[in-house]
């Protein structure tokens, strides 16, 4: 029974927490010709920059 509980509590790749933001809330901040990939990359860059300014090391 303990082994079953351990297996069930393991985090699987498809169970990782996700953040979803509706595109219509963000589209006004991007040029019209930006692709979804460009938007994702820019958001990631901005979050990394913000994180770096917090003075927290990874």
C-alpha atoms as a PDB file:
ATOM      1  CA  UNK A   1       0.000   0.000   0.000  1.00  0.00           C
ATOM      2  CA  UNK A   2       2.866   2.406   0.807  1.00  0.00           C
ATOM      3  CA  UNK A   3       4.459   1.716  -2.559  1.00  0.00           C
ATOM      4  CA  UNK A   4       1.181   2.483  -4.346  1.00  0.00           C
ATOM      5  CA  UNK A   5       0.897   5.809  -2.510  1.00  0.00           C
ATOM      6  CA  UNK A   6       4.464   6.757  -3.447  1.00  0.00           C
ATOM      7  CA  UNK A   7       3.831   5.986  -7.116  1.00  0.00           C
ATOM      8  CA  UNK A   8       0.561   7.923  -7.171  1.00  0.00           C
ATOM      9  CA  UNK A   9       2.179  10.980  -5.542  1.00  0.00           C
ATOM     10  CA  UNK A  10       4.984  11.207  -8.126  1.00  0.00           C
ATOM     11  CA  UNK A  11       4.742  14.168 -10.485  1.00  0.00           C
ATOM     12  CA  UNK A  12       4.573  13.150 -14.111  1.00  0.00           C
ATOM     13  CA  UNK A  13       5.598  15.484 -16.977  1.00  0.00           C
ATOM     14  CA  UNK A  14       2.016  15.764 -18.199  1.00  0.00           C
ATOM     15  CA  UNK A  15       0.868  16.794 -14.710  1.00  0.00           C
ATOM     16  CA  UNK A  16       3.064  19.855 -14.357  1.00  0.00           C
ATOM     17  CA  UNK A  17       1.344  23.040 -13.344  1.00  0.00           C
ATOM     18  CA  UNK A  18       0.578  25.413 -16.219  1.00  0.00           C
ATOM     19  CA  UNK A  19      -0.253  29.074 -16.453  1.00  0.00           C
ATOM     20  CA  UNK A  20      -2.777  30.092 -19.071  1.00  0.00           C
ATOM     21  CA  UNK A  21      -3.399  33.663 -20.148  1.00  0.00           C
ATOM     22  CA  UNK A  22      -6.008  34.451 -22.757  1.00  0.00           C
ATOM     23  CA  UNK A  23      -4.414  35.787 -25.927  1.00  0.00           C
ATOM     24  CA  UNK A  24      -6.949  38.593 -26.262  1.00  0.00           C
ATOM     25  CA  UNK A  25      -5.687  40.057 -22.976  1.00  0.00           C
ATOM     26  CA  UNK A  26      -2.109  40.234 -24.284  1.00  0.00           C
ATOM     27  CA  UNK A  27      -2.531  40.914 -28.008  1.00  0.00           C
ATOM     28  CA  UNK A  28      -2.727  44.677 -27.526  1.00  0.00           C
ATOM     29  CA  UNK A  29       0.875  44.642 -26.261  1.00  0.00           C
ATOM     30  CA  UNK A  30       2.383  42.910 -29.312  1.00  0.00           C
ATOM     31  CA  UNK A  31       2.847  44.007 -32.913  1.00  0.00           C
ATOM     32  CA  UNK A  32       0.130  42.556 -35.155  1.00  0.00           C
ATOM     33  CA  UNK A  33       2.633  40.454 -37.111  1.00  0.00           C
ATOM     34  CA  UNK A  34       4.138  38.661 -34.077  1.00  0.00           C
ATOM     35  CA  UNK A  35       3.775  34.890 -34.174  1.00  0.00           C
ATOM     36  CA  UNK A  36       2.795  32.828 -31.151  1.00  0.00           C
ATOM     37  CA  UNK A  37       6.403  31.665 -30.870  1.00  0.00           C
ATOM     38  CA  UNK A  38       7.690  35.262 -30.849  1.00  0.00           C
ATOM     39  CA  UNK A  39       5.187  36.183 -28.160  1.00  0.00           C
ATOM     40  CA  UNK A  40       6.214  33.242 -25.963  1.00  0.00           C
ATOM     41  CA  UNK A  41       9.906  34.036 -26.385  1.00  0.00           C
ATOM     42  CA  UNK A  42       9.398  37.690 -25.506  1.00  0.00           C
ATOM     43  CA  UNK A  43       7.316  36.851 -22.447  1.00  0.00           C
ATOM     44  CA  UNK A  44      10.013  34.441 -21.287  1.00  0.00           C
ATOM     45  CA  UNK A  45      12.736  37.082 -21.811  1.00  0.00           C
ATOM     46  CA  UNK A  46      10.750  39.652 -19.861  1.00  0.00           C
ATOM     47  CA  UNK A  47      10.113  37.277 -16.957  1.00  0.00           C
ATOM     48  CA  UNK A  48      13.796  36.287 -16.861  1.00  0.00           C
ATOM     49  CA  UNK A  49      14.793  39.963 -16.832  1.00  0.00           C
ATOM     50  CA  UNK A  50      12.345  40.709 -14.044  1.00  0.00           C
ATOM     51  CA  UNK A  51      13.599  37.717 -12.078  1.00  0.00           C
ATOM     52  CA  UNK A  52      17.207  38.853 -12.468  1.00  0.00           C
ATOM     53  CA  UNK A  53      16.322  42.270 -11.083  1.00  0.00           C
ATOM     54  CA  UNK A  54      14.866  40.640  -7.960  1.00  0.00           C
ATOM     55  CA  UNK A  55      18.385  39.699  -6.822  1.00  0.00           C
ATOM     56  CA  UNK A  56      17.522  36.024  -6.498  1.00  0.00           C
ATOM     57  CA  UNK A  57      20.006  33.510  -7.847  1.00  0.00           C
ATOM     58  CA  UNK A  58      18.744  30.399  -9.616  1.00  0.00           C
END
